[in-house]
Amino acid sequence: SATPPVEEVVRDGENGLLANFRSPRQIADQVECLLEDRQLAERLGKSARETILEGYEKEACLRAQANLMYSQIR
């Protein structure tokens, strides 16, 4: 959905497809697009995986969270 929390990670056309959260038609159109264009679906899937591995690896996220907490008690 094209909402701020999702848009922090998903870049429309780069690592996913966004649609208006309140528009079933737009959501269906995006799903249909991926079903019809398997190359696009594969490219977006690979890019999405890279996004997660680069920016959201578990150990890195835990370190960042711990640093944030420690910074608040200093």
C-alpha atoms as a PDB file:
ATOM      1  CA  SER A   1       0.000   0.000   0.000  1.00  0.00           C
ATOM      2  CA  ALA A   2       1.193   3.510  -0.715  1.00  0.00           C
ATOM      3  CA  THR A   3       1.309   4.494   2.947  1.00  0.00           C
ATOM      4  CA  PRO A   4       4.214   6.119   4.836  1.00  0.00           C
ATOM      5  CA  PRO A   5       5.356   3.014   6.776  1.00  0.00           C
ATOM      6  CA  VAL A   6       5.497   0.931   3.590  1.00  0.00           C
ATOM      7  CA  GLU A   7       7.014   3.719   1.514  1.00  0.00           C
ATOM      8  CA  GLU A   8       9.973   3.808   3.925  1.00  0.00           C
ATOM      9  CA  VAL A   9      11.060   0.484   2.423  1.00  0.00           C
ATOM     10  CA  VAL A  10       9.234  -0.049  -0.870  1.00  0.00           C
ATOM     11  CA  ARG A  11      10.166   2.127  -3.839  1.00  0.00           C
ATOM     12  CA  ASP A  12       7.474   1.858  -6.491  1.00  0.00           C
ATOM     13  CA  GLY A  13       8.810   0.178  -9.610  1.00  0.00           C
ATOM     14  CA  GLU A  14      12.228  -0.469  -8.044  1.00  0.00           C
ATOM     15  CA  ASN A  15      11.689  -3.075  -5.331  1.00  0.00           C
ATOM     16  CA  GLY A  16       7.926  -3.417  -5.362  1.00  0.00           C
ATOM     17  CA  LEU A  17       4.708  -1.930  -6.601  1.00  0.00           C
ATOM     18  CA  LEU A  18       2.588   0.468  -4.599  1.00  0.00           C
ATOM     19  CA  ALA A  19      -1.134   1.079  -4.842  1.00  0.00           C
ATOM     20  CA  ASN A  20      -3.625   3.244  -3.048  1.00  0.00           C
ATOM     21  CA  PHE A  21      -4.540   1.441   0.171  1.00  0.00           C
ATOM     22  CA  ARG A  22      -8.227   2.256  -0.297  1.00  0.00           C
ATOM     23  CA  SER A  23      -8.442   1.237  -3.948  1.00  0.00           C
ATOM     24  CA  PRO A  24      -9.160  -2.438  -4.528  1.00  0.00           C
ATOM     25  CA  ARG A  25      -8.982  -1.727  -8.264  1.00  0.00           C
ATOM     26  CA  GLN A  26      -5.431  -0.340  -8.047  1.00  0.00           C
ATOM     27  CA  ILE A  27      -4.316  -3.249  -5.883  1.00  0.00           C
ATOM     28  CA  ALA A  28      -5.837  -5.726  -8.332  1.00  0.00           C
ATOM     29  CA  ASP A  29      -4.195  -3.919 -11.256  1.00  0.00           C
ATOM     30  CA  GLN A  30      -0.773  -4.195  -9.603  1.00  0.00           C
ATOM     31  CA  VAL A  31      -1.272  -7.900  -8.875  1.00  0.00           C
ATOM     32  CA  GLU A  32      -2.419  -8.462 -12.454  1.00  0.00           C
ATOM     33  CA  CYS A  33       0.641  -6.590 -13.715  1.00  0.00           C
ATOM     34  CA  LEU A  34       2.943  -8.957 -11.820  1.00  0.00           C
ATOM     35  CA  LEU A  35       1.072 -12.035 -12.975  1.00  0.00           C
ATOM     36  CA  GLU A  36       1.290 -10.939 -16.596  1.00  0.00           C
ATOM     37  CA  ASP A  37       4.919  -9.740 -16.507  1.00  0.00           C
ATOM     38  CA  ARG A  38       7.013 -12.475 -14.917  1.00  0.00           C
ATOM     39  CA  GLN A  39      10.274 -10.660 -15.740  1.00  0.00           C
ATOM     40  CA  LEU A  40       9.082  -7.614 -13.806  1.00  0.00           C
ATOM     41  CA  ALA A  41       7.963  -9.819 -10.918  1.00  0.00           C
ATOM     42  CA  GLU A  42      11.365 -11.525 -10.820  1.00  0.00           C
ATOM     43  CA  ARG A  43      13.278  -8.234 -11.019  1.00  0.00           C
ATOM     44  CA  LEU A  44      11.195  -6.640  -8.254  1.00  0.00           C
ATOM     45  CA  GLY A  45      11.517  -9.759  -6.103  1.00  0.00           C
ATOM     46  CA  LYS A  46      15.310  -9.785  -6.391  1.00  0.00           C
ATOM     47  CA  SER A  47      15.495  -6.071  -5.642  1.00  0.00           C
ATOM     48  CA  ALA A  48      13.171  -6.465  -2.653  1.00  0.00           C
ATOM     49  CA  ARG A  49      15.386  -9.225  -1.253  1.00  0.00           C
ATOM     50  CA  GLU A  50      18.483  -7.049  -1.686  1.00  0.00           C
ATOM     51  CA  THR A  51      16.721  -4.170   0.084  1.00  0.00           C
ATOM     52  CA  ILE A  52      15.960  -6.363   3.087  1.00  0.00           C
ATOM     53  CA  LEU A  53      19.400  -7.967   3.242  1.00  0.00           C
ATOM     54  CA  GLU A  54      21.159  -4.598   2.968  1.00  0.00           C
ATOM     55  CA  GLY A  55      19.028  -2.555   5.320  1.00  0.00           C
ATOM     56  CA  TYR A  56      17.211  -4.912   7.620  1.00  0.00           C
ATOM     57  CA  GLU A  57      19.589  -7.734   8.484  1.00  0.00           C
ATOM     58  CA  LYS A  58      18.624  -8.982  11.954  1.00  0.00           C
ATOM     59  CA  GLU A  59      21.948  -8.447  13.734  1.00  0.00           C
ATOM     60  CA  ALA A  60      22.342  -4.933  12.318  1.00  0.00           C
ATOM     61  CA  CYS A  61      18.801  -4.029  13.358  1.00  0.00           C
ATOM     62  CA  LEU A  62      19.350  -5.379  16.870  1.00  0.00           C
ATOM     63  CA  ARG A  63      22.597  -3.376  17.196  1.00  0.00           C
ATOM     64  CA  ALA A  64      20.851  -0.224  16.007  1.00  0.00           C
ATOM     65  CA  GLN A  65      17.994  -0.781  18.454  1.00  0.00           C
ATOM     66  CA  ALA A  66      20.408  -1.370  21.345  1.00  0.00           C
ATOM     67  CA  ASN A  67      22.388   1.756  20.409  1.00  0.00           C
ATOM     68  CA  LEU A  68      19.193   3.782  20.382  1.00  0.00           C
ATOM     69  CA  MET A  69      18.197   2.521  23.828  1.00  0.00           C
ATOM     70  CA  TYR A  70      21.678   3.116  25.287  1.00  0.00           C
ATOM     71  CA  SER A  71      21.788   6.611  23.828  1.00  0.00           C
ATOM     72  CA  GLN A  72      18.637   7.474  25.780  1.00  0.00           C
ATOM     73  CA  ILE A  73      20.040   6.447  29.161  1.00  0.00           C
ATOM     74  CA  ARG A  74      23.399   8.229  28.876  1.00  0.00           C
END
